[in-house]
């Protein structure tokens, strides 16, 4: 399980229906940010990479989607440190794969 629903319910103190709505919003907002990350890495705009990763990191953290949060945080830090672009691209690929798994998990409910 990529989404720790029990932890989210306990820590966020919200009804399951609201949490599910927030998960749907997360998918809607994260998909464009993922595409932007993938496009940005064709160049080397580290600040834009950092901003996009920061957005994903924060959103995932708020919903306790720790796998996405961890990878996004690595990308954000790597962009801040102007890490080799190939390493960032590799992490963005990992983020995409994890995001796709989260989307499947959300669809299953």
PDB file of N, CA and C in Angstrom:
ATOM      1  N   UNK A   1       0.834  -1.175   0.000  1.00  0.00           N
ATOM      2  CA  UNK A   1       0.000   0.000   0.000  1.00  0.00           C
ATOM      3  C   UNK A   1       0.887   1.249   0.000  1.00  0.00           C
ATOM      4  N   UNK A   2       0.672   2.083  -0.965  1.00  0.00           N
ATOM      5  CA  UNK A   2       1.437   3.303  -1.074  1.00  0.00           C
ATOM      6  C   UNK A   2       0.806   4.457  -0.295  1.00  0.00           C
ATOM      7  N   UNK A   3      -0.471   4.338  -0.014  1.00  0.00           N
ATOM      8  CA  UNK A   3      -1.187   5.352   0.749  1.00  0.00           C
ATOM      9  C   UNK A   3      -1.532   4.760   2.104  1.00  0.00           C
ATOM     10  N   UNK A   4      -1.019   5.362   3.147  1.00  0.00           N
ATOM     11  CA  UNK A   4      -1.299   4.888   4.501  1.00  0.00           C
ATOM     12  C   UNK A   4      -2.597   5.533   4.975  1.00  0.00           C
ATOM     13  N   UNK A   5      -3.705   4.929   4.577  1.00  0.00           N
ATOM     14  CA  UNK A   5      -5.023   5.489   4.885  1.00  0.00           C
ATOM     15  C   UNK A   5      -5.278   5.558   6.391  1.00  0.00           C
ATOM     16  N   UNK A   6      -4.884   4.530   7.109  1.00  0.00           N
ATOM     17  CA  UNK A   6      -5.113   4.524   8.554  1.00  0.00           C
ATOM     18  C   UNK A   6      -4.384   5.689   9.219  1.00  0.00           C
ATOM     19  N   UNK A   7      -3.134   5.892   8.836  1.00  0.00           N
ATOM     20  CA  UNK A   7      -2.355   6.996   9.388  1.00  0.00           C
ATOM     21  C   UNK A   7      -2.987   8.331   9.001  1.00  0.00           C
ATOM     22  N   UNK A   8      -3.416   8.443   7.757  1.00  0.00           N
ATOM     23  CA  UNK A   8      -4.036   9.686   7.302  1.00  0.00           C
ATOM     24  C   UNK A   8      -5.320   9.972   8.078  1.00  0.00           C
ATOM     25  N   UNK A   9      -6.178   8.965   8.224  1.00  0.00           N
ATOM     26  CA  UNK A   9      -7.427   9.170   8.967  1.00  0.00           C
ATOM     27  C   UNK A   9      -7.130   9.593  10.404  1.00  0.00           C
ATOM     28  N   UNK A  10      -6.161   8.925  11.011  1.00  0.00           N
ATOM     29  CA  UNK A  10      -5.817   9.199  12.405  1.00  0.00           C
ATOM     30  C   UNK A  10      -5.238  10.610  12.562  1.00  0.00           C
ATOM     31  N   UNK A  11      -4.278  10.960  11.711  1.00  0.00           N
ATOM     32  CA  UNK A  11      -3.590  12.241  11.854  1.00  0.00           C
ATOM     33  C   UNK A  11      -4.385  13.424  11.307  1.00  0.00           C
ATOM     34  N   UNK A  12      -5.135  13.201  10.245  1.00  0.00           N
ATOM     35  CA  UNK A  12      -5.858  14.300   9.613  1.00  0.00           C
ATOM     36  C   UNK A  12      -7.261  14.480  10.178  1.00  0.00           C
ATOM     37  N   UNK A  13      -7.750  13.457  10.866  1.00  0.00           N
ATOM     38  CA  UNK A  13      -9.057  13.511  11.518  1.00  0.00           C
ATOM     39  C   UNK A  13     -10.135  14.023  10.562  1.00  0.00           C
ATOM     40  N   UNK A  14     -10.328  13.269   9.489  1.00  0.00           N
ATOM     41  CA  UNK A  14     -11.344  13.642   8.503  1.00  0.00           C
ATOM     42  C   UNK A  14     -12.096  12.409   8.056  1.00  0.00           C
ATOM     43  N   UNK A  15     -13.306  12.602   7.568  1.00  0.00           N
ATOM     44  CA  UNK A  15     -14.086  11.460   7.066  1.00  0.00           C
ATOM     45  C   UNK A  15     -13.432  10.860   5.822  1.00  0.00           C
ATOM     46  N   UNK A  16     -13.669   9.584   5.626  1.00  0.00           N
ATOM     47  CA  UNK A  16     -13.097   8.876   4.483  1.00  0.00           C
ATOM     48  C   UNK A  16     -13.519   9.518   3.161  1.00  0.00           C
ATOM     49  N   UNK A  17     -14.765   9.950   3.084  1.00  0.00           N
ATOM     50  CA  UNK A  17     -15.266  10.562   1.846  1.00  0.00           C
ATOM     51  C   UNK A  17     -14.460  11.810   1.479  1.00  0.00           C
ATOM     52  N   UNK A  18     -14.167  12.651   2.458  1.00  0.00           N
ATOM     53  CA  UNK A  18     -13.372  13.858   2.203  1.00  0.00           C
ATOM     54  C   UNK A  18     -11.946  13.484   1.789  1.00  0.00           C
ATOM     55  N   UNK A  19     -11.380  12.511   2.475  1.00  0.00           N
ATOM     56  CA  UNK A  19     -10.021  12.071   2.134  1.00  0.00           C
ATOM     57  C   UNK A  19      -9.975  11.567   0.696  1.00  0.00           C
ATOM     58  N   UNK A  20     -10.980  10.795   0.292  1.00  0.00           N
ATOM     59  CA  UNK A  20     -11.026  10.291  -1.086  1.00  0.00           C
ATOM     60  C   UNK A  20     -11.142  11.431  -2.090  1.00  0.00           C
ATOM     61  N   UNK A  21     -11.907  12.470  -1.759  1.00  0.00           N
ATOM     62  CA  UNK A  21     -12.001  13.643  -2.632  1.00  0.00           C
ATOM     63  C   UNK A  21     -10.643  14.330  -2.759  1.00  0.00           C
ATOM     64  N   UNK A  22      -9.932  14.419  -1.642  1.00  0.00           N
ATOM     65  CA  UNK A  22      -8.603  15.032  -1.669  1.00  0.00           C
ATOM     66  C   UNK A  22      -7.623  14.210  -2.499  1.00  0.00           C
ATOM     67  N   UNK A  23      -7.747  12.898  -2.430  1.00  0.00           N
ATOM     68  CA  UNK A  23      -6.896  12.043  -3.259  1.00  0.00           C
ATOM     69  C   UNK A  23      -7.170  12.284  -4.738  1.00  0.00           C
ATOM     70  N   UNK A  24      -8.448  12.408  -5.100  1.00  0.00           N
ATOM     71  CA  UNK A  24      -8.795  12.701  -6.494  1.00  0.00           C
ATOM     72  C   UNK A  24      -8.213  14.045  -6.932  1.00  0.00           C
ATOM     73  N   UNK A  25      -8.289  15.041  -6.061  1.00  0.00           N
ATOM     74  CA  UNK A  25      -7.712  16.356  -6.369  1.00  0.00           C
ATOM     75  C   UNK A  25      -6.197  16.257  -6.509  1.00  0.00           C
ATOM     76  N   UNK A  26      -5.576  15.427  -5.667  1.00  0.00           N
ATOM     77  CA  UNK A  26      -4.131  15.228  -5.749  1.00  0.00           C
ATOM     78  C   UNK A  26      -3.739  14.706  -7.132  1.00  0.00           C
ATOM     79  N   UNK A  27      -4.488  13.734  -7.627  1.00  0.00           N
ATOM     80  CA  UNK A  27      -4.198  13.171  -8.951  1.00  0.00           C
ATOM     81  C   UNK A  27      -4.357  14.251 -10.018  1.00  0.00           C
ATOM     82  N   UNK A  28      -5.445  14.990  -9.954  1.00  0.00           N
ATOM     83  CA  UNK A  28      -5.711  16.041 -10.946  1.00  0.00           C
ATOM     84  C   UNK A  28      -4.614  17.104 -10.958  1.00  0.00           C
ATOM     85  N   UNK A  29      -4.113  17.466  -9.787  1.00  0.00           N
ATOM     86  CA  UNK A  29      -3.104  18.519  -9.699  1.00  0.00           C
ATOM     87  C   UNK A  29      -1.693  17.999  -9.962  1.00  0.00           C
ATOM     88  N   UNK A  30      -1.453  16.751  -9.622  1.00  0.00           N
ATOM     89  CA  UNK A  30      -0.101  16.216  -9.753  1.00  0.00           C
ATOM     90  C   UNK A  30       0.217  15.817 -11.182  1.00  0.00           C
ATOM     91  N   UNK A  31      -0.765  15.369 -11.934  1.00  0.00           N
ATOM     92  CA  UNK A  31      -0.507  14.960 -13.318  1.00  0.00           C
ATOM     93  C   UNK A  31       0.147  16.084 -14.127  1.00  0.00           C
ATOM     94  N   UNK A  32      -0.389  17.321 -14.113  1.00  0.00           N
ATOM     95  CA  UNK A  32       0.282  18.393 -14.853  1.00  0.00           C
ATOM     96  C   UNK A  32       1.678  18.708 -14.308  1.00  0.00           C
ATOM     97  N   UNK A  33       1.839  18.621 -12.996  1.00  0.00           N
ATOM     98  CA  UNK A  33       3.160  18.873 -12.403  1.00  0.00           C
ATOM     99  C   UNK A  33       4.156  17.803 -12.841  1.00  0.00           C
ATOM    100  N   UNK A  34       3.699  16.550 -12.940  1.00  0.00           N
ATOM    101  CA  UNK A  34       4.576  15.473 -13.428  1.00  0.00           C
ATOM    102  C   UNK A  34       4.997  15.740 -14.868  1.00  0.00           C
ATOM    103  N   UNK A  35       4.043  16.108 -15.699  1.00  0.00           N
ATOM    104  CA  UNK A  35       4.360  16.395 -17.102  1.00  0.00           C
ATOM    105  C   UNK A  35       5.340  17.541 -17.204  1.00  0.00           C
ATOM    106  N   UNK A  36       5.156  18.556 -16.370  1.00  0.00           N
ATOM    107  CA  UNK A  36       6.060  19.693 -16.380  1.00  0.00           C
ATOM    108  C   UNK A  36       7.465  19.261 -15.976  1.00  0.00           C
ATOM    109  N   UNK A  37       7.560  18.436 -14.945  1.00  0.00           N
ATOM    110  CA  UNK A  37       8.868  17.920 -14.515  1.00  0.00           C
ATOM    111  C   UNK A  37       9.552  17.183 -15.657  1.00  0.00           C
ATOM    112  N   UNK A  38       8.809  16.340 -16.328  1.00  0.00           N
ATOM    113  CA  UNK A  38       9.376  15.551 -17.418  1.00  0.00           C
ATOM    114  C   UNK A  38       9.823  16.450 -18.571  1.00  0.00           C
ATOM    115  N   UNK A  39       9.078  17.504 -18.857  1.00  0.00           N
ATOM    116  CA  UNK A  39       9.455  18.431 -19.926  1.00  0.00           C
ATOM    117  C   UNK A  39      10.645  19.295 -19.533  1.00  0.00           C
ATOM    118  N   UNK A  40      10.657  19.764 -18.305  1.00  0.00           N
ATOM    119  CA  UNK A  40      11.727  20.648 -17.829  1.00  0.00           C
ATOM    120  C   UNK A  40      13.083  19.967 -17.924  1.00  0.00           C
ATOM    121  N   UNK A  41      13.126  18.661 -17.670  1.00  0.00           N
ATOM    122  CA  UNK A  41      14.425  17.987 -17.641  1.00  0.00           C
ATOM    123  C   UNK A  41      15.040  17.846 -19.031  1.00  0.00           C
ATOM    124  N   UNK A  42      14.312  18.233 -20.057  1.00  0.00           N
ATOM    125  CA  UNK A  42      14.934  18.266 -21.393  1.00  0.00           C
ATOM    126  C   UNK A  42      15.972  19.385 -21.444  1.00  0.00           C
ATOM    127  N   UNK A  43      15.817  20.367 -20.571  1.00  0.00           N
ATOM    128  CA  UNK A  43      16.790  21.436 -20.396  1.00  0.00           C
ATOM    129  C   UNK A  43      17.412  21.254 -19.022  1.00  0.00           C
ATOM    130  N   UNK A  44      17.849  22.304 -18.439  1.00  0.00           N
ATOM    131  CA  UNK A  44      18.416  22.205 -17.087  1.00  0.00           C
ATOM    132  C   UNK A  44      17.955  23.378 -16.230  1.00  0.00           C
ATOM    133  N   UNK A  45      16.669  23.629 -16.197  1.00  0.00           N
ATOM    134  CA  UNK A  45      16.125  24.699 -15.373  1.00  0.00           C
ATOM    135  C   UNK A  45      15.903  24.156 -13.963  1.00  0.00           C
ATOM    136  N   UNK A  46      16.962  24.191 -13.177  1.00  0.00           N
ATOM    137  CA  UNK A  46      16.929  23.597 -11.845  1.00  0.00           C
ATOM    138  C   UNK A  46      15.867  24.224 -10.947  1.00  0.00           C
ATOM    139  N   UNK A  47      15.664  25.517 -11.060  1.00  0.00           N
ATOM    140  CA  UNK A  47      14.682  26.184 -10.201  1.00  0.00           C
ATOM    141  C   UNK A  47      13.264  25.710 -10.523  1.00  0.00           C
ATOM    142  N   UNK A  48      12.943  25.541 -11.779  1.00  0.00           N
ATOM    143  CA  UNK A  48      11.615  25.041 -12.150  1.00  0.00           C
ATOM    144  C   UNK A  48      11.440  23.583 -11.731  1.00  0.00           C
ATOM    145  N   UNK A  49      12.490  22.801 -11.835  1.00  0.00           N
ATOM    146  CA  UNK A  49      12.450  21.410 -11.367  1.00  0.00           C
ATOM    147  C   UNK A  49      12.180  21.408  -9.863  1.00  0.00           C
ATOM    148  N   UNK A  50      12.909  22.251  -9.141  1.00  0.00           N
ATOM    149  CA  UNK A  50      12.749  22.330  -7.691  1.00  0.00           C
ATOM    150  C   UNK A  50      11.320  22.727  -7.322  1.00  0.00           C
ATOM    151  N   UNK A  51      10.774  23.732  -7.995  1.00  0.00           N
ATOM    152  CA  UNK A  51       9.417  24.200  -7.691  1.00  0.00           C
ATOM    153  C   UNK A  51       8.378  23.103  -7.936  1.00  0.00           C
ATOM    154  N   UNK A  52       8.488  22.428  -9.060  1.00  0.00           N
ATOM    155  CA  UNK A  52       7.522  21.366  -9.366  1.00  0.00           C
ATOM    156  C   UNK A  52       7.626  20.226  -8.363  1.00  0.00           C
ATOM    157  N   UNK A  53       8.848  19.842  -8.039  1.00  0.00           N
ATOM    158  CA  UNK A  53       9.050  18.763  -7.067  1.00  0.00           C
ATOM    159  C   UNK A  53       8.540  19.186  -5.688  1.00  0.00           C
ATOM    160  N   UNK A  54       8.737  20.450  -5.338  1.00  0.00           N
ATOM    161  CA  UNK A  54       8.265  20.961  -4.048  1.00  0.00           C
ATOM    162  C   UNK A  54       6.739  20.876  -3.958  1.00  0.00           C
ATOM    163  N   UNK A  55       6.055  21.228  -5.023  1.00  0.00           N
ATOM    164  CA  UNK A  55       4.592  21.144  -5.065  1.00  0.00           C
ATOM    165  C   UNK A  55       4.126  19.708  -4.830  1.00  0.00           C
ATOM    166  N   UNK A  56       4.740  18.775  -5.535  1.00  0.00           N
ATOM    167  CA  UNK A  56       4.364  17.360  -5.401  1.00  0.00           C
ATOM    168  C   UNK A  56       4.707  16.851  -4.001  1.00  0.00           C
ATOM    169  N   UNK A  57       5.881  17.219  -3.511  1.00  0.00           N
ATOM    170  CA  UNK A  57       6.339  16.816  -2.186  1.00  0.00           C
ATOM    171  C   UNK A  57       5.337  17.254  -1.119  1.00  0.00           C
ATOM    172  N   UNK A  58       4.939  18.511  -1.155  1.00  0.00           N
ATOM    173  CA  UNK A  58       4.015  19.027  -0.151  1.00  0.00           C
ATOM    174  C   UNK A  58       2.645  18.374  -0.223  1.00  0.00           C
ATOM    175  N   UNK A  59       2.120  18.251  -1.426  1.00  0.00           N
ATOM    176  CA  UNK A  59       0.796  17.643  -1.599  1.00  0.00           C
ATOM    177  C   UNK A  59       0.790  16.196  -1.128  1.00  0.00           C
ATOM    178  N   UNK A  60       1.810  15.449  -1.510  1.00  0.00           N
ATOM    179  CA  UNK A  60       1.891  14.045  -1.105  1.00  0.00           C
ATOM    180  C   UNK A  60       2.057  13.924   0.412  1.00  0.00           C
ATOM    181  N   UNK A  61       2.853  14.797   0.988  1.00  0.00           N
ATOM    182  CA  UNK A  61       3.046  14.771   2.434  1.00  0.00           C
ATOM    183  C   UNK A  61       1.764  15.049   3.186  1.00  0.00           C
ATOM    184  N   UNK A  62       0.994  16.019   2.702  1.00  0.00           N
ATOM    185  CA  UNK A  62      -0.267  16.355   3.359  1.00  0.00           C
ATOM    186  C   UNK A  62      -1.233  15.178   3.380  1.00  0.00           C
ATOM    187  N   UNK A  63      -1.156  14.331   2.354  1.00  0.00           N
ATOM    188  CA  UNK A  63      -2.069  13.187   2.263  1.00  0.00           C
ATOM    189  C   UNK A  63      -1.426  11.882   2.731  1.00  0.00           C
ATOM    190  N   UNK A  64      -0.230  11.973   3.254  1.00  0.00           N
ATOM    191  CA  UNK A  64       0.501  10.810   3.779  1.00  0.00           C
ATOM    192  C   UNK A  64       0.812   9.774   2.694  1.00  0.00           C
ATOM    193  N   UNK A  65       1.140  10.254   1.495  1.00  0.00           N
ATOM    194  CA  UNK A  65       1.565   9.367   0.406  1.00  0.00           C
ATOM    195  C   UNK A  65       3.090   9.402   0.419  1.00  0.00           C
ATOM    196  N   UNK A  66       3.652   8.626   1.328  1.00  0.00           N
ATOM    197  CA  UNK A  66       5.064   8.748   1.665  1.00  0.00           C
ATOM    198  C   UNK A  66       6.020   8.365   0.535  1.00  0.00           C
ATOM    199  N   UNK A  67       5.654   7.393  -0.292  1.00  0.00           N
ATOM    200  CA  UNK A  67       6.534   6.999  -1.389  1.00  0.00           C
ATOM    201  C   UNK A  67       6.759   8.146  -2.359  1.00  0.00           C
ATOM    202  N   UNK A  68       5.692   8.822  -2.721  1.00  0.00           N
ATOM    203  CA  UNK A  68       5.808   9.966  -3.627  1.00  0.00           C
ATOM    204  C   UNK A  68       6.529  11.109  -2.925  1.00  0.00           C
ATOM    205  N   UNK A  69       6.190  11.346  -1.682  1.00  0.00           N
ATOM    206  CA  UNK A  69       6.819  12.437  -0.945  1.00  0.00           C
ATOM    207  C   UNK A  69       8.334  12.254  -0.873  1.00  0.00           C
ATOM    208  N   UNK A  70       8.787  11.059  -0.585  1.00  0.00           N
ATOM    209  CA  UNK A  70      10.217  10.793  -0.452  1.00  0.00           C
ATOM    210  C   UNK A  70      10.953  11.060  -1.754  1.00  0.00           C
ATOM    211  N   UNK A  71      10.433  10.560  -2.851  1.00  0.00           N
ATOM    212  CA  UNK A  71      11.109  10.745  -4.143  1.00  0.00           C
ATOM    213  C   UNK A  71      11.070  12.209  -4.557  1.00  0.00           C
ATOM    214  N   UNK A  72       9.935  12.863  -4.369  1.00  0.00           N
ATOM    215  CA  UNK A  72       9.819  14.282  -4.728  1.00  0.00           C
ATOM    216  C   UNK A  72      10.794  15.123  -3.907  1.00  0.00           C
ATOM    217  N   UNK A  73      10.956  14.767  -2.640  1.00  0.00           N
ATOM    218  CA  UNK A  73      11.895  15.487  -1.784  1.00  0.00           C
ATOM    219  C   UNK A  73      13.327  15.307  -2.296  1.00  0.00           C
ATOM    220  N   UNK A  74      13.667  14.100  -2.748  1.00  0.00           N
ATOM    221  CA  UNK A  74      15.000  13.858  -3.326  1.00  0.00           C
ATOM    222  C   UNK A  74      15.220  14.722  -4.567  1.00  0.00           C
ATOM    223  N   UNK A  75      14.202  14.817  -5.408  1.00  0.00           N
ATOM    224  CA  UNK A  75      14.307  15.632  -6.628  1.00  0.00           C
ATOM    225  C   UNK A  75      14.450  17.105  -6.254  1.00  0.00           C
ATOM    226  N   UNK A  76      13.641  17.543  -5.313  1.00  0.00           N
ATOM    227  CA  UNK A  76      13.700  18.942  -4.872  1.00  0.00           C
ATOM    228  C   UNK A  76      15.091  19.285  -4.340  1.00  0.00           C
ATOM    229  N   UNK A  77      15.617  18.445  -3.488  1.00  0.00           N
ATOM    230  CA  UNK A  77      16.954  18.665  -2.926  1.00  0.00           C
ATOM    231  C   UNK A  77      18.018  18.608  -4.023  1.00  0.00           C
ATOM    232  N   UNK A  78      17.900  17.614  -4.913  1.00  0.00           N
ATOM    233  CA  UNK A  78      18.871  17.485  -5.999  1.00  0.00           C
ATOM    234  C   UNK A  78      18.874  18.698  -6.904  1.00  0.00           C
ATOM    235  N   UNK A  79      17.701  19.234  -7.200  1.00  0.00           N
ATOM    236  CA  UNK A  79      17.623  20.434  -8.040  1.00  0.00           C
ATOM    237  C   UNK A  79      18.213  21.636  -7.315  1.00  0.00           C
ATOM    238  N   UNK A  80      17.984  21.731  -6.006  1.00  0.00           N
ATOM    239  CA  UNK A  80      18.554  22.825  -5.217  1.00  0.00           C
ATOM    240  C   UNK A  80      20.078  22.797  -5.252  1.00  0.00           C
ATOM    241  N   UNK A  81      20.626  21.583  -5.292  1.00  0.00           N
ATOM    242  CA  UNK A  81      22.082  21.405  -5.292  1.00  0.00           C
ATOM    243  C   UNK A  81      22.661  21.290  -6.698  1.00  0.00           C
ATOM    244  N   UNK A  82      21.789  21.507  -7.713  1.00  0.00           N
ATOM    245  CA  UNK A  82      22.192  21.398  -9.117  1.00  0.00           C
ATOM    246  C   UNK A  82      22.879  20.053  -9.408  1.00  0.00           C
ATOM    247  N   UNK A  83      22.206  19.017  -8.948  1.00  0.00           N
ATOM    248  CA  UNK A  83      22.659  17.643  -9.140  1.00  0.00           C
ATOM    249  C   UNK A  83      22.707  17.325 -10.640  1.00  0.00           C
ATOM    250  N   UNK A  84      23.507  16.356 -10.999  1.00  0.00           N
ATOM    251  CA  UNK A  84      23.595  15.926 -12.401  1.00  0.00           C
ATOM    252  C   UNK A  84      22.191  15.672 -12.940  1.00  0.00           C
ATOM    253  N   UNK A  85      21.906  16.208 -14.095  1.00  0.00           N
ATOM    254  CA  UNK A  85      20.560  16.131 -14.673  1.00  0.00           C
ATOM    255  C   UNK A  85      20.127  14.687 -14.930  1.00  0.00           C
ATOM    256  N   UNK A  86      21.071  13.812 -15.217  1.00  0.00           N
ATOM    257  CA  UNK A  86      20.724  12.402 -15.458  1.00  0.00           C
ATOM    258  C   UNK A  86      20.224  11.732 -14.178  1.00  0.00           C
ATOM    259  N   UNK A  87      20.777  12.110 -13.049  1.00  0.00           N
ATOM    260  CA  UNK A  87      20.293  11.576 -11.765  1.00  0.00           C
ATOM    261  C   UNK A  87      18.883  12.094 -11.502  1.00  0.00           C
ATOM    262  N   UNK A  88      18.676  13.382 -11.768  1.00  0.00           N
ATOM    263  CA  UNK A  88      17.333  13.944 -11.593  1.00  0.00           C
ATOM    264  C   UNK A  88      16.335  13.257 -12.514  1.00  0.00           C
ATOM    265  N   UNK A  89      16.712  13.026 -13.749  1.00  0.00           N
ATOM    266  CA  UNK A  89      15.820  12.341 -14.688  1.00  0.00           C
ATOM    267  C   UNK A  89      15.465  10.943 -14.194  1.00  0.00           C
ATOM    268  N   UNK A  90      16.450  10.246 -13.665  1.00  0.00           N
ATOM    269  CA  UNK A  90      16.210   8.905 -13.129  1.00  0.00           C
ATOM    270  C   UNK A  90      15.217   8.955 -11.969  1.00  0.00           C
ATOM    271  N   UNK A  91      15.387   9.934 -11.088  1.00  0.00           N
ATOM    272  CA  UNK A  91      14.461  10.070  -9.959  1.00  0.00           C
ATOM    273  C   UNK A  91      13.065  10.474 -10.428  1.00  0.00           C
ATOM    274  N   UNK A  92      12.996  11.287 -11.471  1.00  0.00           N
ATOM    275  CA  UNK A  92      11.693  11.675 -12.013  1.00  0.00           C
ATOM    276  C   UNK A  92      11.001  10.463 -12.631  1.00  0.00           C
ATOM    277  N   UNK A  93      11.761   9.583 -13.263  1.00  0.00           N
ATOM    278  CA  UNK A  93      11.185   8.337 -13.787  1.00  0.00           C
ATOM    279  C   UNK A  93      10.637   7.480 -12.651  1.00  0.00           C
ATOM    280  N   UNK A  94      11.372   7.387 -11.543  1.00  0.00           N
ATOM    281  CA  UNK A  94      10.896   6.644 -10.368  1.00  0.00           C
ATOM    282  C   UNK A  94       9.620   7.279  -9.826  1.00  0.00           C
ATOM    283  N   UNK A  95       9.612   8.603  -9.803  1.00  0.00           N
ATOM    284  CA  UNK A  95       8.433   9.316  -9.322  1.00  0.00           C
ATOM    285  C   UNK A  95       7.237   9.018 -10.209  1.00  0.00           C
ATOM    286  N   UNK A  96       7.425   9.013 -11.510  1.00  0.00           N
ATOM    287  CA  UNK A  96       6.334   8.718 -12.447  1.00  0.00           C
ATOM    288  C   UNK A  96       5.795   7.307 -12.198  1.00  0.00           C
ATOM    289  N   UNK A  97       6.690   6.333 -12.051  1.00  0.00           N
ATOM    290  CA  UNK A  97       6.246   4.956 -11.819  1.00  0.00           C
ATOM    291  C   UNK A  97       5.460   4.849 -10.515  1.00  0.00           C
ATOM    292  N   UNK A  98       5.943   5.501  -9.480  1.00  0.00           N
ATOM    293  CA  UNK A  98       5.256   5.469  -8.189  1.00  0.00           C
ATOM    294  C   UNK A  98       3.914   6.179  -8.281  1.00  0.00           C
ATOM    295  N   UNK A  99       3.882   7.295  -8.991  1.00  0.00           N
ATOM    296  CA  UNK A  99       2.635   8.038  -9.184  1.00  0.00           C
ATOM    297  C   UNK A  99       1.605   7.175  -9.909  1.00  0.00           C
ATOM    298  N   UNK A 100       2.032   6.440 -10.916  1.00  0.00           N
ATOM    299  CA  UNK A 100       1.117   5.558 -11.647  1.00  0.00           C
ATOM    300  C   UNK A 100       0.569   4.465 -10.727  1.00  0.00           C
ATOM    301  N   UNK A 101       1.395   3.940  -9.850  1.00  0.00           N
ATOM    302  CA  UNK A 101       0.945   2.930  -8.885  1.00  0.00           C
ATOM    303  C   UNK A 101      -0.073   3.529  -7.904  1.00  0.00           C
ATOM    304  N   UNK A 102       0.184   4.757  -7.474  1.00  0.00           N
ATOM    305  CA  UNK A 102      -0.749   5.433  -6.568  1.00  0.00           C
ATOM    306  C   UNK A 102      -2.084   5.654  -7.263  1.00  0.00           C
ATOM    307  N   UNK A 103      -2.057   6.061  -8.522  1.00  0.00           N
ATOM    308  CA  UNK A 103      -3.298   6.244  -9.269  1.00  0.00           C
ATOM    309  C   UNK A 103      -4.098   4.948  -9.325  1.00  0.00           C
ATOM    310  N   UNK A 104      -3.421   3.831  -9.549  1.00  0.00           N
ATOM    311  CA  UNK A 104      -4.114   2.524  -9.571  1.00  0.00           C
ATOM    312  C   UNK A 104      -4.709   2.204  -8.193  1.00  0.00           C
ATOM    313  N   UNK A 105      -3.946   2.495  -7.153  1.00  0.00           N
ATOM    314  CA  UNK A 105      -4.417   2.216  -5.797  1.00  0.00           C
ATOM    315  C   UNK A 105      -5.659   3.063  -5.475  1.00  0.00           C
ATOM    316  N   UNK A 106      -5.647   4.318  -5.882  1.00  0.00           N
ATOM    317  CA  UNK A 106      -6.788   5.195  -5.645  1.00  0.00           C
ATOM    318  C   UNK A 106      -8.000   4.687  -6.425  1.00  0.00           C
ATOM    319  N   UNK A 107      -7.784   4.269  -7.659  1.00  0.00           N
ATOM    320  CA  UNK A 107      -8.892   3.759  -8.489  1.00  0.00           C
ATOM    321  C   UNK A 107      -9.527   2.525  -7.868  1.00  0.00           C
ATOM    322  N   UNK A 108      -8.707   1.694  -7.220  1.00  0.00           N
ATOM    323  CA  UNK A 108      -9.235   0.495  -6.563  1.00  0.00           C
ATOM    324  C   UNK A 108     -10.011   0.836  -5.286  1.00  0.00           C
ATOM    325  N   UNK A 109      -9.679   2.019  -4.721  1.00  0.00           N
ATOM    326  CA  UNK A 109     -10.376   2.454  -3.498  1.00  0.00           C
ATOM    327  C   UNK A 109      -9.771   1.848  -2.345  1.00  0.00           C
TER     328      UNK A 109
END
